[in-house]
Amino acid sequence: MTLYAVKPAFQKLLRPLAYRLEGSGVSANAVTLSAMLLSVILGAGLAASIVNGGRGVFFLLPIFLLIRMALNAIDGIIARERGQVSRLGAYLNELGDVVSDSALYLPLALLAFGWPAAVLVALSAAGELAGVLGQVGGGTRRYDGPLGKSDRALWLGLLALLLGFGVVPGVWLAGVLLVLCVLAALTIVNRVRRGLKEAA
């Protein structure tokens, strides 16, 4: 199970906004690049805040993760339903996800007991690669869970809220992140296994 299953309903809500943006001249690739750029900016701000002992910026992370999910849905709607599907867009979409995840989640490694965040970023990138390789193997792009992009956003958003409310990073943080690492590894296994099965 993965939150990706609710994507059609999410897209339905965002379709009117996507059509208005496209009608105003906004391209799918522009939306993709905007999401990536904003992720890098927020990630840099989060890292600087952690180094300086700040916590308030953590509240921005769950809000932005929801915005980023919306932008990712919007660029897909514009691309598929407004005739903007392109090879460049496919590259930007996949690379943008990895860059955005890295920028937003790596700063957590700067916290006490936050080192597993770096491992989680690496496993998440490998999971996205495993998903793309489903197409290379003759099947479809794999979105199997249990820790897809939307699921990661949910869990990291919840962690950010706890930290923003003043919960002190400790062994508990490393424990949660390590559990997420296990789920990310299982996601890779599921995508490879089911991709091979589909191709066969």
Protein backbone atom coordinates (compact mmCIF):
# COMPACT_ATOMS: atom_id res chain seq x y z
CA MET A 1 0.00 0.00 0.00
CA THR A 2 1.15 3.53 -0.76
CA LEU A 3 -0.32 7.03 -0.79
CA TYR A 4 0.25 7.02 -4.55
CA ALA A 5 -3.12 5.23 -4.73
CA VAL A 6 -4.92 8.50 -3.88
CA LYS A 7 -3.16 10.44 -6.65
CA PRO A 8 -6.13 10.32 -9.09
CA ALA A 9 -8.40 11.99 -6.54
CA PHE A 10 -5.71 14.59 -5.78
CA GLN A 11 -5.30 15.31 -9.49
CA LYS A 12 -9.05 15.74 -9.88
CA LEU A 13 -9.01 18.52 -7.29
CA LEU A 14 -6.07 20.24 -8.96
CA ARG A 15 -7.18 19.88 -12.58
CA PRO A 16 -9.01 23.26 -12.79
CA LEU A 17 -5.95 25.08 -11.42
CA ALA A 18 -3.66 23.19 -13.79
CA TYR A 19 -5.80 24.17 -16.78
CA ARG A 20 -5.80 27.82 -15.71
CA LEU A 21 -2.02 27.83 -15.36
CA GLU A 22 -1.59 26.23 -18.76
CA GLY A 23 -4.01 28.74 -20.24
CA SER A 24 -1.85 31.51 -18.81
CA GLY A 25 1.19 30.16 -20.64
CA VAL A 26 2.75 28.13 -17.83
CA SER A 27 4.43 24.98 -19.16
CA ALA A 28 4.70 21.60 -17.45
CA ASN A 29 8.49 21.87 -17.41
CA ALA A 30 8.30 25.30 -15.77
CA VAL A 31 6.20 23.83 -12.94
CA THR A 32 8.67 20.96 -12.51
CA LEU A 33 11.65 23.32 -12.37
CA SER A 34 9.84 25.63 -9.94
CA ALA A 35 9.19 22.75 -7.54
CA MET A 36 12.86 21.73 -7.67
CA LEU A 37 14.16 25.28 -7.20
CA LEU A 38 11.85 25.95 -4.26
CA SER A 39 12.92 22.66 -2.67
CA VAL A 40 16.58 23.62 -2.90
CA ILE A 41 15.90 27.06 -1.42
CA LEU A 42 13.89 25.66 1.49
CA GLY A 43 16.45 22.91 2.07
CA ALA A 44 19.24 25.49 2.30
CA GLY A 45 17.17 27.53 4.73
CA LEU A 46 16.44 24.46 6.82
CA ALA A 47 20.12 23.53 6.98
CA ALA A 48 21.10 27.06 8.00
CA SER A 49 18.39 27.12 10.66
CA ILE A 50 19.54 23.80 12.14
CA VAL A 51 23.17 24.94 12.27
CA ASN A 52 22.09 28.14 14.06
CA GLY A 53 19.86 26.30 16.52
CA GLY A 54 16.55 27.48 15.04
CA ARG A 55 13.43 25.34 14.93
CA GLY A 56 10.68 27.54 13.49
CA VAL A 57 11.55 26.71 9.89
CA PHE A 58 10.54 23.09 10.54
CA PHE A 59 6.92 24.21 10.34
CA LEU A 60 7.49 25.23 6.72
CA LEU A 61 8.53 21.73 5.68
CA PRO A 62 5.16 19.92 5.94
CA ILE A 63 3.42 22.89 4.31
CA PHE A 64 5.87 22.94 1.44
CA LEU A 65 5.77 19.16 1.02
CA LEU A 66 2.04 19.46 0.36
CA ILE A 67 2.67 22.31 -2.10
CA ARG A 68 5.36 20.25 -3.82
CA MET A 69 3.00 17.29 -4.17
CA ALA A 70 0.47 19.64 -5.75
CA LEU A 71 3.07 21.02 -8.17
CA ASN A 72 4.12 17.48 -9.12
CA ALA A 73 0.51 16.59 -9.86
CA ILE A 74 -0.06 19.79 -11.81
CA ASP A 75 2.96 19.31 -14.08
CA GLY A 76 1.72 15.82 -14.91
CA ILE A 77 -1.78 17.06 -15.72
CA ILE A 78 -0.47 19.79 -18.00
CA ALA A 79 1.96 17.43 -19.72
CA ARG A 80 -0.46 14.58 -20.37
CA GLU A 81 -3.73 16.42 -20.88
CA ARG A 82 -2.44 19.51 -22.68
CA GLY A 83 -0.06 17.84 -25.10
CA GLN A 84 3.20 18.83 -23.41
CA VAL A 85 4.70 15.38 -22.90
CA SER A 86 8.38 15.51 -23.87
CA ARG A 87 11.62 13.63 -23.40
CA LEU A 88 13.08 16.62 -21.54
CA GLY A 89 10.06 16.64 -19.27
CA ALA A 90 10.59 12.97 -18.41
CA TYR A 91 14.20 13.69 -17.41
CA LEU A 92 13.24 16.77 -15.40
CA ASN A 93 10.45 14.92 -13.62
CA GLU A 94 12.66 12.07 -12.41
CA LEU A 95 15.76 14.17 -11.67
CA GLY A 96 13.64 16.84 -9.99
CA ASP A 97 12.24 14.33 -7.51
CA VAL A 98 15.69 13.10 -6.49
CA VAL A 99 17.15 16.61 -6.22
CA SER A 100 14.14 17.87 -4.24
CA ASP A 101 14.16 14.94 -1.82
CA SER A 102 17.89 15.33 -1.24
CA ALA A 103 17.61 19.07 -0.63
CA LEU A 104 14.68 18.76 1.77
CA TYR A 105 15.69 15.68 3.76
CA LEU A 106 19.49 15.84 3.99
CA PRO A 107 19.43 18.79 6.44
CA LEU A 108 17.90 16.42 9.02
CA ALA A 109 21.28 14.64 9.09
CA LEU A 110 22.67 17.76 10.78
CA LEU A 111 20.52 17.08 13.85
CA ALA A 112 21.70 15.02 16.79
CA PHE A 113 21.00 11.37 15.93
CA GLY A 114 19.84 12.46 12.48
CA TRP A 115 22.57 10.66 10.51
CA PRO A 116 20.18 7.98 9.13
CA ALA A 117 18.56 10.76 7.08
CA ALA A 118 21.53 10.58 4.70
CA VAL A 119 21.01 6.83 4.30
CA LEU A 120 17.30 7.42 3.70
CA VAL A 121 18.06 9.93 0.93
CA ALA A 122 20.36 7.43 -0.79
CA LEU A 123 17.79 4.62 -0.52
CA SER A 124 15.03 6.92 -1.76
CA ALA A 125 17.08 7.84 -4.82
CA ALA A 126 17.72 4.15 -5.47
CA GLY A 127 14.01 3.48 -5.13
CA GLU A 128 13.16 6.07 -7.76
CA LEU A 129 15.79 4.57 -10.04
CA ALA A 130 14.28 1.12 -9.51
CA GLY A 131 10.90 2.55 -10.47
CA VAL A 132 12.23 4.04 -13.71
CA LEU A 133 14.05 0.83 -14.60
CA GLY A 134 10.70 -0.89 -14.76
CA GLN A 135 10.22 0.83 -18.11
CA VAL A 136 13.71 -0.10 -19.27
CA GLY A 137 12.93 -3.73 -18.53
CA GLY A 138 9.91 -3.69 -20.79
CA GLY A 139 7.22 -2.92 -18.22
CA THR A 140 5.82 0.27 -16.74
CA ARG A 141 7.18 2.86 -14.35
CA ARG A 142 6.86 1.23 -10.92
CA TYR A 143 5.31 3.10 -7.97
CA ASP A 144 5.15 0.22 -5.48
CA GLY A 145 5.46 0.97 -1.77
CA PRO A 146 5.60 0.87 1.12
CA LEU A 147 7.64 4.11 1.02
CA GLY A 148 7.02 5.97 -2.20
CA LYS A 149 7.50 9.69 -2.69
CA SER A 150 4.19 10.68 -1.10
CA ASP A 151 4.72 8.33 1.84
CA ARG A 152 8.15 9.84 2.50
CA ALA A 153 6.64 13.30 2.44
CA LEU A 154 4.02 12.28 5.01
CA TRP A 155 6.51 10.78 7.45
CA LEU A 156 9.13 13.50 7.09
CA GLY A 157 6.42 16.14 7.43
CA LEU A 158 5.29 14.59 10.71
CA LEU A 159 8.87 14.49 11.97
CA ALA A 160 9.33 18.14 11.06
CA LEU A 161 6.20 19.07 13.02
CA LEU A 162 7.48 17.28 16.12
CA LEU A 163 10.82 19.03 15.84
CA GLY A 164 9.14 22.37 15.21
CA PHE A 165 7.07 22.00 18.38
CA GLY A 166 10.26 21.58 20.35
CA VAL A 167 10.67 17.82 20.68
CA VAL A 168 14.40 17.38 21.26
CA PRO A 169 16.20 15.19 18.69
CA GLY A 170 17.46 12.01 20.29
CA VAL A 171 17.69 8.28 19.88
CA TRP A 172 14.00 8.26 18.97
CA LEU A 173 14.79 10.26 15.80
CA ALA A 174 17.46 7.80 14.69
CA GLY A 175 15.04 4.96 15.40
CA VAL A 176 12.26 6.44 13.28
CA LEU A 177 14.63 7.25 10.43
CA LEU A 178 16.08 3.74 10.51
CA VAL A 179 12.59 2.26 10.28
CA LEU A 180 11.99 4.47 7.25
CA CYS A 181 15.28 3.23 5.79
CA VAL A 182 14.05 -0.35 6.12
CA LEU A 183 10.79 0.58 4.41
CA ALA A 184 12.73 2.36 1.65
CA ALA A 185 14.86 -0.76 1.12
CA LEU A 186 11.71 -2.89 0.97
CA THR A 187 10.31 -0.47 -1.61
CA ILE A 188 13.35 -1.08 -3.83
CA VAL A 189 12.90 -4.84 -3.51
CA ASN A 190 9.20 -4.61 -4.36
CA ARG A 191 9.79 -2.41 -7.41
CA VAL A 192 12.51 -4.67 -8.78
CA ARG A 193 10.60 -7.88 -8.09
CA ARG A 194 7.30 -6.67 -9.51
CA GLY A 195 9.01 -4.95 -12.43
CA LEU A 196 10.67 -8.22 -13.38
CA LYS A 197 7.40 -10.08 -12.97
CA GLU A 198 5.55 -7.57 -15.15
CA ALA A 199 8.18 -7.70 -17.88
CA ALA A 200 8.12 -11.48 -17.89
